[in-house]
């Protein structure tokens, strides 16, 4: 490239392109458009080499670089430069670089690929990516997350053998939360092996994982890993709260609209320190699990964490019992039963732990206090369809609903 300047500052050399940093030419109108960007001022050599091949003028006729002027530990040949990954304008402006793949074309991909990007001086708030096969856009084979404040990982499960284009988009923290995503980097993926029937991911046009400002939701800690495998159809997510919080979990599989809210259950751990979100998975597919909460002094629920779950064996248990507000206020942990549907005319053992409740009863039957926080008792169910309620009271003596069950006469007693 002509127009490159080298500046000697503080005993070191730096790269500058004053022409590209000042603006560009609108080729349709054949008009120069002034638009300043600092992307080409004292640019990191690893970023500069993505679209500049430095060489002295005397070598211009031969297109041979004087390798020292690339300012790289491992300089590139002209052939290597032609295949180096090319960032979109925002990728350059925001100081994004690739940590894993430095070539624009990635060959010989088998089944899956992970691409890792780093933001050097711009804080990224959100990211998404799409695959393209010709003109067709594919978005159910990709998920993205940020393991650190500066690193973005994009995982691609290849939908088949062939050639695909991967386009990554991002949004900065300083942009509006509802602002447009900007393209930052593009790859061409050559896949030689793929799964016969790959499990698609649910549509999720944002990053997976917890939000950065968990403290605003009253949360001290939460799971950081975004991808989980449930081998027995059930999985638990533990949340350590800093104060009383209310969590509303939502579960989606693939892109179906089936209501799965009764397959999520929020309860305290038996030690009362953590909130456990228990999830039962009915199908052997990928699920999107999103946790909603309320920020302090805010009445609306907003998402504070999202996870991807792969179920390898479906859970055959039924839905959870209904949990009411005071189950969380009394820090309840129900041990038995954890299925809403109860057999008619059966003896059912109820066991609940609560360090806050003074007394518990189920449909009028008082549950005996076994220790400082464990209440237990056997209750006879009626032979008819009816609702069974576990209630608890605190020091004020007023009973409140904790859990609700249903006696189902359609159940096969055998």
Protein backbone atom coordinates (compact mmCIF):
# COMPACT_ATOMS: atom_id res chain seq x y z
CA UNK A 1 0.00 0.00 0.00
CA UNK A 2 1.20 3.49 -0.86
CA UNK A 3 0.49 6.26 1.63
CA UNK A 4 1.74 4.45 4.72
CA UNK A 5 3.81 6.51 7.11
CA UNK A 6 6.17 5.23 9.78
CA UNK A 7 6.59 7.33 12.89
CA UNK A 8 9.48 6.97 15.30
CA UNK A 9 8.10 7.68 18.79
CA UNK A 10 9.75 6.98 22.11
CA UNK A 11 12.38 4.62 20.64
CA UNK A 12 9.89 2.58 18.61
CA UNK A 13 8.20 2.55 15.19
CA UNK A 14 4.45 2.94 14.67
CA UNK A 15 2.15 2.62 11.65
CA UNK A 16 -0.06 5.43 10.32
CA UNK A 17 -2.21 5.73 7.19
CA UNK A 18 -3.27 9.38 7.00
CA UNK A 19 -5.19 8.85 3.76
CA UNK A 20 -7.50 6.08 4.98
CA UNK A 21 -7.84 7.76 8.35
CA UNK A 22 -9.10 11.00 6.79
CA UNK A 23 -11.99 9.69 4.70
CA UNK A 24 -12.91 7.66 1.63
CA UNK A 25 -14.03 7.97 -1.98
CA UNK A 26 -17.64 7.29 -2.89
CA UNK A 27 -17.01 5.33 -6.09
CA UNK A 28 -20.58 5.70 -7.38
CA UNK A 29 -20.54 9.48 -7.13
CA UNK A 30 -16.76 9.71 -7.71
CA UNK A 31 -16.62 12.03 -4.72
CA UNK A 32 -14.30 12.23 -1.73
CA UNK A 33 -16.10 11.94 1.63
CA UNK A 34 -14.16 13.29 4.65
CA UNK A 35 -14.66 11.01 7.66
CA UNK A 36 -12.00 10.86 10.33
CA UNK A 37 -11.20 7.57 12.09
CA UNK A 38 -8.32 6.82 14.43
CA UNK A 39 -8.28 3.18 13.30
CA UNK A 40 -5.19 3.89 11.17
CA UNK A 41 -3.30 6.04 13.68
CA UNK A 42 -0.55 4.20 15.57
CA UNK A 43 -2.36 0.98 14.68
CA UNK A 44 -1.47 -2.40 16.16
CA UNK A 45 0.65 -4.16 13.46
CA UNK A 46 -1.49 -7.33 13.75
CA UNK A 47 -4.55 -5.26 12.85
CA UNK A 48 -2.75 -3.15 10.24
CA UNK A 49 -1.63 -6.20 8.27
CA UNK A 50 -5.25 -7.24 7.66
CA UNK A 51 -5.56 -4.64 4.88
CA UNK A 52 -2.06 -3.10 4.44
CA UNK A 53 1.03 -4.75 2.99
CA UNK A 54 3.91 -2.38 3.82
CA UNK A 55 6.87 -2.14 1.44
CA UNK A 56 9.39 0.52 0.44
CA UNK A 57 8.76 2.33 -2.86
CA UNK A 58 11.87 0.85 -4.49
CA UNK A 59 10.31 -2.62 -4.22
CA UNK A 60 6.89 -1.60 -5.54
CA UNK A 61 7.41 -3.17 -8.98
CA UNK A 62 8.05 -6.58 -7.45
CA UNK A 63 5.41 -6.49 -4.67
CA UNK A 64 7.93 -7.75 -2.18
CA UNK A 65 7.69 -6.48 1.38
CA UNK A 66 10.66 -5.43 3.38
CA UNK A 67 9.59 -7.61 6.28
CA UNK A 68 10.94 -5.31 8.98
CA UNK A 69 8.32 -2.69 8.08
CA UNK A 70 5.44 -5.01 8.90
CA UNK A 71 6.55 -4.62 12.55
CA UNK A 72 5.49 -8.23 13.17
CA UNK A 73 7.35 -10.99 14.97
CA UNK A 74 6.34 -13.33 12.13
CA UNK A 75 6.06 -11.28 8.92
CA UNK A 76 3.79 -12.42 6.09
CA UNK A 77 4.63 -13.18 2.50
CA UNK A 78 2.59 -11.59 -0.29
CA UNK A 79 0.66 -14.86 -0.72
CA UNK A 80 -0.11 -15.05 2.99
CA UNK A 81 -1.23 -11.42 2.99
CA UNK A 82 -3.76 -12.14 0.22
CA UNK A 83 -5.47 -14.73 2.43
CA UNK A 84 -5.29 -12.87 5.77
CA UNK A 85 -8.60 -12.20 7.52
CA UNK A 86 -10.11 -8.87 6.55
CA UNK A 87 -12.03 -6.99 9.22
CA UNK A 88 -15.04 -4.82 8.49
CA UNK A 89 -14.61 -1.09 9.12
CA UNK A 90 -16.07 -1.24 12.63
CA UNK A 91 -13.82 -4.18 13.43
CA UNK A 92 -10.82 -2.02 12.61
CA UNK A 93 -12.18 1.10 14.31
CA UNK A 94 -12.98 -0.81 17.51
CA UNK A 95 -9.61 -2.57 17.70
CA UNK A 96 -10.90 -6.13 17.30
CA UNK A 97 -8.42 -8.87 16.48
CA UNK A 98 -8.62 -12.62 15.99
CA UNK A 99 -6.93 -14.84 18.57
CA UNK A 100 -7.54 -18.19 16.88
CA UNK A 101 -7.88 -17.84 13.09
CA UNK A 102 -5.82 -15.33 11.12
CA UNK A 103 -6.78 -16.45 7.61
CA UNK A 104 -9.88 -15.26 5.79
CA UNK A 105 -10.57 -18.79 4.54
CA UNK A 106 -10.65 -21.62 7.08
CA UNK A 107 -10.19 -25.02 5.41
CA UNK A 108 -10.84 -28.63 6.45
CA UNK A 109 -13.40 -27.96 9.17
CA UNK A 110 -14.82 -31.10 10.77
CA UNK A 111 -18.18 -30.90 12.56
CA UNK A 112 -17.63 -27.75 14.67
CA UNK A 113 -15.38 -24.74 15.01
CA UNK A 114 -14.71 -22.13 17.72
CA UNK A 115 -13.49 -18.66 16.77
CA UNK A 116 -12.13 -16.33 19.42
CA UNK A 117 -11.90 -12.56 19.06
CA UNK A 118 -10.39 -9.94 21.36
CA UNK A 119 -11.36 -6.31 21.75
CA UNK A 120 -8.26 -4.27 22.50
CA UNK A 121 -9.69 -0.86 23.41
CA UNK A 122 -13.46 -0.87 22.76
CA UNK A 123 -15.87 -2.44 25.23
CA UNK A 124 -18.34 -4.75 23.49
CA UNK A 125 -21.79 -5.12 25.05
CA UNK A 126 -23.36 -7.62 22.66
CA UNK A 127 -22.53 -9.87 19.74
CA UNK A 128 -24.26 -12.16 17.26
CA UNK A 129 -23.30 -14.08 14.12
CA UNK A 130 -24.95 -15.60 11.07
CA UNK A 131 -23.97 -18.25 8.55
CA UNK A 132 -24.70 -17.72 4.87
CA UNK A 133 -24.88 -20.39 2.20
CA UNK A 134 -25.16 -18.39 -0.99
CA UNK A 135 -28.03 -15.98 -0.36
CA UNK A 136 -29.59 -18.14 2.40
CA UNK A 137 -29.09 -16.96 5.98
CA UNK A 138 -28.68 -19.65 8.67
CA UNK A 139 -28.79 -18.66 12.34
CA UNK A 140 -29.64 -21.85 14.27
CA UNK A 141 -26.16 -23.35 14.18
CA UNK A 142 -24.28 -20.62 16.07
CA UNK A 143 -24.03 -19.32 19.60
CA UNK A 144 -21.75 -16.62 21.04
CA UNK A 145 -20.64 -15.61 24.52
CA UNK A 146 -17.99 -13.53 26.31
CA UNK A 147 -15.90 -15.51 28.84
CA UNK A 148 -14.14 -12.25 29.81
CA UNK A 149 -14.76 -8.53 29.31
CA UNK A 150 -12.46 -8.49 26.28
CA UNK A 151 -12.94 -11.88 24.59
CA UNK A 152 -15.80 -13.03 22.35
CA UNK A 153 -16.16 -16.71 21.43
CA UNK A 154 -18.30 -17.78 18.50
CA UNK A 155 -19.17 -21.49 18.25
CA UNK A 156 -20.38 -22.88 14.94
CA UNK A 157 -21.88 -26.34 14.43
CA UNK A 158 -21.51 -26.87 10.69
CA UNK A 159 -24.92 -27.54 9.07
CA UNK A 160 -23.38 -29.66 6.32
CA UNK A 161 -20.42 -30.10 4.04
CA UNK A 162 -19.62 -27.22 1.73
CA UNK A 163 -18.66 -23.55 1.79
CA UNK A 164 -20.30 -21.07 4.16
CA UNK A 165 -19.73 -17.43 5.03
CA UNK A 166 -19.63 -16.50 8.72
CA UNK A 167 -20.41 -12.85 9.48
CA UNK A 168 -19.93 -11.60 13.04
CA UNK A 169 -21.72 -8.48 14.29
CA UNK A 170 -21.21 -6.52 17.52
CA UNK A 171 -22.47 -3.56 19.50
CA UNK A 172 -20.45 -1.33 21.85
CA UNK A 173 -21.30 -0.55 25.47
CA UNK A 174 -21.47 3.14 24.66
CA UNK A 175 -24.16 2.51 22.00
CA UNK A 176 -27.88 2.40 22.73
CA UNK A 177 -29.06 -0.99 24.12
CA UNK A 178 -31.42 -1.13 21.14
CA UNK A 179 -28.92 0.24 18.62
CA UNK A 180 -27.98 -1.54 15.42
CA UNK A 181 -25.39 -4.29 15.37
CA UNK A 182 -22.40 -3.49 13.17
CA UNK A 183 -20.42 -6.03 11.08
CA UNK A 184 -16.92 -6.54 12.49
CA UNK A 185 -15.36 -9.58 10.80
CA UNK A 186 -16.10 -12.14 8.10
CA UNK A 187 -14.75 -15.66 7.44
CA UNK A 188 -15.22 -18.22 4.69
CA UNK A 189 -15.66 -21.71 6.16
CA UNK A 190 -14.86 -24.87 4.18
CA UNK A 191 -16.45 -27.89 5.90
CA UNK A 192 -15.39 -31.42 4.92
CA UNK A 193 -17.27 -33.37 7.65
CA UNK A 194 -20.56 -32.65 9.44
CA UNK A 195 -22.99 -34.44 11.72
CA UNK A 196 -25.66 -36.47 9.89
CA UNK A 197 -28.42 -34.78 11.90
CA UNK A 198 -26.94 -31.86 13.83
CA UNK A 199 -29.00 -30.57 16.75
CA UNK A 200 -29.91 -26.98 15.97
CA UNK A 201 -29.74 -24.25 18.61
CA UNK A 202 -32.75 -22.12 19.60
CA UNK A 203 -32.85 -18.69 18.00
CA UNK A 204 -31.03 -16.27 20.30
CA UNK A 205 -29.88 -12.99 18.80
CA UNK A 206 -27.67 -11.92 21.68
CA UNK A 207 -24.84 -13.27 23.83
CA UNK A 208 -25.33 -16.24 26.15
CA UNK A 209 -24.23 -16.04 29.76
CA UNK A 210 -24.90 -13.69 32.71
CA UNK A 211 -25.06 -9.92 32.34
CA UNK A 212 -22.13 -7.89 33.65
CA UNK A 213 -24.10 -5.92 36.26
CA UNK A 214 -25.48 -8.83 38.31
CA UNK A 215 -25.28 -6.72 41.49
CA UNK A 216 -28.16 -4.57 40.18
CA UNK A 217 -30.32 -7.70 40.34
CA UNK A 218 -29.22 -8.46 43.90
CA UNK A 219 -27.04 -11.39 42.79
CA UNK A 220 -23.61 -12.14 44.22
CA UNK A 221 -22.66 -15.09 41.98
CA UNK A 222 -24.08 -17.39 39.31
CA UNK A 223 -22.93 -20.03 36.83
CA UNK A 224 -20.55 -18.59 34.24
CA UNK A 225 -20.39 -21.53 31.81
CA UNK A 226 -22.96 -21.03 29.08
CA UNK A 227 -23.17 -24.56 27.60
CA UNK A 228 -24.45 -27.44 29.73
CA UNK A 229 -25.25 -31.09 29.11
CA UNK A 230 -28.09 -32.83 31.00
CA UNK A 231 -27.50 -36.59 30.87
CA UNK A 232 -30.55 -37.51 32.95
CA UNK A 233 -33.01 -34.86 31.77
CA UNK A 234 -32.68 -32.64 34.82
CA UNK A 235 -30.26 -29.85 35.68
CA UNK A 236 -29.88 -27.33 38.51
CA UNK A 237 -28.64 -23.74 38.24
CA UNK A 238 -27.58 -22.21 41.56
CA UNK A 239 -27.81 -18.48 42.22
CA UNK A 240 -26.28 -16.82 45.30
CA UNK A 241 -28.39 -13.75 46.16
CA UNK A 242 -27.26 -10.70 48.13
CA UNK A 243 -30.83 -9.86 49.15
CA UNK A 244 -34.35 -11.19 48.70
CA UNK A 245 -34.92 -11.65 44.97
CA UNK A 246 -37.63 -13.10 42.77
CA UNK A 247 -36.53 -15.19 39.77
CA UNK A 248 -38.71 -15.98 36.79
CA UNK A 249 -37.21 -18.76 34.63
CA UNK A 250 -38.20 -19.41 31.01
CA UNK A 251 -37.38 -22.50 28.96
CA UNK A 252 -37.50 -22.83 25.15
CA UNK A 253 -36.51 -25.73 22.95
CA UNK A 254 -35.48 -25.09 19.38
CA UNK A 255 -38.04 -22.59 18.08
CA UNK A 256 -41.22 -24.23 19.39
CA UNK A 257 -43.76 -22.15 21.32
CA UNK A 258 -44.77 -24.91 23.79
CA UNK A 259 -45.18 -23.46 27.28
CA UNK A 260 -42.58 -25.12 29.51
CA UNK A 261 -42.80 -22.85 32.54
CA UNK A 262 -44.08 -25.69 34.76
CA UNK A 263 -40.89 -27.60 34.01
CA UNK A 264 -38.87 -24.93 35.83
CA UNK A 265 -38.87 -24.69 39.61
CA UNK A 266 -37.27 -22.08 41.88
CA UNK A 267 -36.47 -23.14 45.43
CA UNK A 268 -33.90 -22.44 48.14
CA UNK A 269 -31.09 -24.91 48.72
CA UNK A 270 -31.35 -26.94 51.93
CA UNK A 271 -28.72 -24.65 53.52
CA UNK A 272 -30.76 -21.56 52.63
CA UNK A 273 -27.79 -19.78 51.05
CA UNK A 274 -28.52 -20.41 47.36
CA UNK A 275 -31.55 -20.20 45.13
CA UNK A 276 -31.80 -23.29 42.95
CA UNK A 277 -33.49 -23.18 39.56
CA UNK A 278 -34.33 -26.81 38.73
CA UNK A 279 -35.14 -27.64 35.11
CA UNK A 280 -36.73 -30.79 33.68
CA UNK A 281 -36.21 -31.50 30.00
CA UNK A 282 -38.84 -33.47 28.09
CA UNK A 283 -37.09 -33.82 24.74
CA UNK A 284 -33.60 -34.71 23.55
CA UNK A 285 -32.82 -31.38 21.91
CA UNK A 286 -31.07 -28.08 22.66
CA UNK A 287 -32.85 -25.73 25.07
CA UNK A 288 -32.48 -22.02 25.75
CA UNK A 289 -32.84 -21.27 29.45
CA UNK A 290 -33.34 -17.61 30.37
CA UNK A 291 -33.52 -16.22 33.93
CA UNK A 292 -35.45 -13.00 34.55
CA UNK A 293 -35.23 -10.79 37.62
CA UNK A 294 -35.94 -7.29 38.85
CA UNK A 295 -33.31 -4.63 39.27
CA UNK A 296 -33.48 -2.68 42.51
CA UNK A 297 -36.29 -0.08 42.52
CA UNK A 298 -37.66 -1.52 39.25
CA UNK A 299 -40.95 -3.38 38.82
CA UNK A 300 -40.29 -4.97 35.42
CA UNK A 301 -38.64 -8.35 34.92
CA UNK A 302 -35.64 -8.30 32.59
CA UNK A 303 -33.20 -11.12 31.66
CA UNK A 304 -30.01 -11.36 33.69
CA UNK A 305 -28.66 -14.72 32.45
CA UNK A 306 -29.16 -17.11 29.55
CA UNK A 307 -27.81 -20.62 29.01
CA UNK A 308 -27.76 -23.32 26.37
CA UNK A 309 -28.62 -26.86 27.49
CA UNK A 310 -28.21 -30.09 25.55
CA UNK A 311 -30.48 -32.90 26.77
CA UNK A 312 -29.16 -36.38 25.96
CA UNK A 313 -31.86 -38.29 27.85
CA UNK A 314 -35.40 -37.00 28.34
CA UNK A 315 -36.86 -36.69 31.85
CA UNK A 316 -40.01 -38.77 32.38
CA UNK A 317 -41.09 -37.02 35.59
CA UNK A 318 -44.09 -34.73 35.43
CA UNK A 319 -44.29 -31.00 36.06
CA UNK A 320 -43.24 -29.38 39.32
CA UNK A 321 -45.72 -28.21 41.96
CA UNK A 322 -46.72 -24.55 41.89
CA UNK A 323 -44.47 -22.47 44.17
CA UNK A 324 -45.93 -19.31 45.72
CA UNK A 325 -44.36 -16.06 46.91
CA UNK A 326 -43.93 -17.05 50.55
CA UNK A 327 -41.99 -20.18 49.64
CA UNK A 328 -39.11 -17.86 48.75
CA UNK A 329 -39.75 -15.43 51.62
CA UNK A 330 -39.54 -18.29 54.11
CA UNK A 331 -36.48 -19.71 52.28
CA UNK A 332 -38.24 -23.01 51.75
CA UNK A 333 -36.64 -26.10 50.24
CA UNK A 334 -39.09 -28.86 49.42
CA UNK A 335 -37.65 -32.35 49.43
CA UNK A 336 -40.83 -34.40 48.90
CA UNK A 337 -42.88 -34.51 46.72
CA UNK A 338 -41.43 -32.69 43.69
CA UNK A 339 -44.18 -33.71 41.26
CA UNK A 340 -47.43 -31.76 41.04
CA UNK A 341 -49.76 -34.67 40.17
CA UNK A 342 -50.58 -36.89 43.18
CA UNK A 343 -52.27 -40.29 43.20
CA UNK A 344 -55.81 -40.40 44.64
CA UNK A 345 -56.41 -42.26 47.95
CA UNK A 346 -52.65 -42.47 48.53
CA UNK A 347 -50.47 -41.71 51.53
CA UNK A 348 -48.02 -39.00 50.50
CA UNK A 349 -44.93 -37.99 52.47
CA UNK A 350 -44.32 -34.22 52.61
CA UNK A 351 -40.91 -32.95 53.69
CA UNK A 352 -40.01 -29.25 53.63
CA UNK A 353 -37.05 -27.31 55.05
CA UNK A 354 -37.46 -23.70 56.14
CA UNK A 355 -35.36 -21.69 58.60
CA UNK A 356 -37.95 -18.88 58.60
CA UNK A 357 -41.29 -20.70 59.03
CA UNK A 358 -42.68 -21.38 62.51
CA UNK A 359 -45.28 -23.96 61.49
CA UNK A 360 -46.33 -25.85 58.32
CA UNK A 361 -49.48 -27.75 57.43
CA UNK A 362 -50.88 -29.56 54.41
CA UNK A 363 -54.67 -29.54 53.86
CA UNK A 364 -55.13 -29.13 57.60
CA UNK A 365 -52.61 -31.79 58.64
CA UNK A 366 -49.79 -30.26 60.68
CA UNK A 367 -46.30 -31.28 59.58
CA UNK A 368 -44.10 -32.22 62.52
CA UNK A 369 -40.89 -30.30 63.10
CA UNK A 370 -38.00 -32.79 62.99
CA UNK A 371 -35.17 -30.35 63.69
CA UNK A 372 -34.52 -26.60 63.57
CA UNK A 373 -35.77 -26.25 60.03
CA UNK A 374 -37.21 -29.59 58.77
CA UNK A 375 -40.99 -30.23 58.69
CA UNK A 376 -42.31 -33.68 57.78
CA UNK A 377 -45.58 -35.60 57.73
CA UNK A 378 -47.69 -38.14 55.84
CA UNK A 379 -50.98 -36.91 54.41
CA UNK A 380 -53.86 -39.06 53.10
CA UNK A 381 -55.12 -37.94 49.69
CA UNK A 382 -58.81 -37.98 48.80
CA UNK A 383 -60.20 -40.15 46.04
CA UNK A 384 -61.41 -37.20 44.00
CA UNK A 385 -59.74 -34.54 41.89
CA UNK A 386 -58.76 -31.69 44.19
CA UNK A 387 -56.05 -29.17 45.03
CA UNK A 388 -53.59 -29.91 47.84
CA UNK A 389 -51.90 -26.92 49.47
CA UNK A 390 -48.87 -26.72 51.75
CA UNK A 391 -49.08 -23.60 53.95
CA UNK A 392 -46.66 -21.99 56.36
CA UNK A 393 -46.65 -19.22 58.93
CA UNK A 394 -44.02 -17.02 60.54
CA UNK A 395 -43.93 -15.39 63.94
CA UNK A 396 -47.17 -13.48 63.21
CA UNK A 397 -49.11 -16.77 63.05
CA UNK A 398 -50.70 -15.98 59.66
CA UNK A 399 -50.59 -18.91 57.22
CA UNK A 400 -49.62 -18.34 53.60
CA UNK A 401 -49.59 -20.66 50.59
CA UNK A 402 -46.20 -22.20 49.87
CA UNK A 403 -46.84 -25.00 47.34
CA UNK A 404 -49.86 -26.33 45.44
CA UNK A 405 -50.46 -29.87 44.13
CA UNK A 406 -53.27 -31.63 42.32
CA UNK A 407 -54.83 -35.03 43.05
CA UNK A 408 -55.33 -36.54 39.59
CA UNK A 409 -57.81 -39.39 39.27
CA UNK A 410 -56.51 -40.13 35.77
CA UNK A 411 -53.23 -41.46 37.13
CA UNK A 412 -52.77 -45.20 36.90
CA UNK A 413 -52.28 -46.41 40.47
CA UNK A 414 -50.46 -49.48 39.23
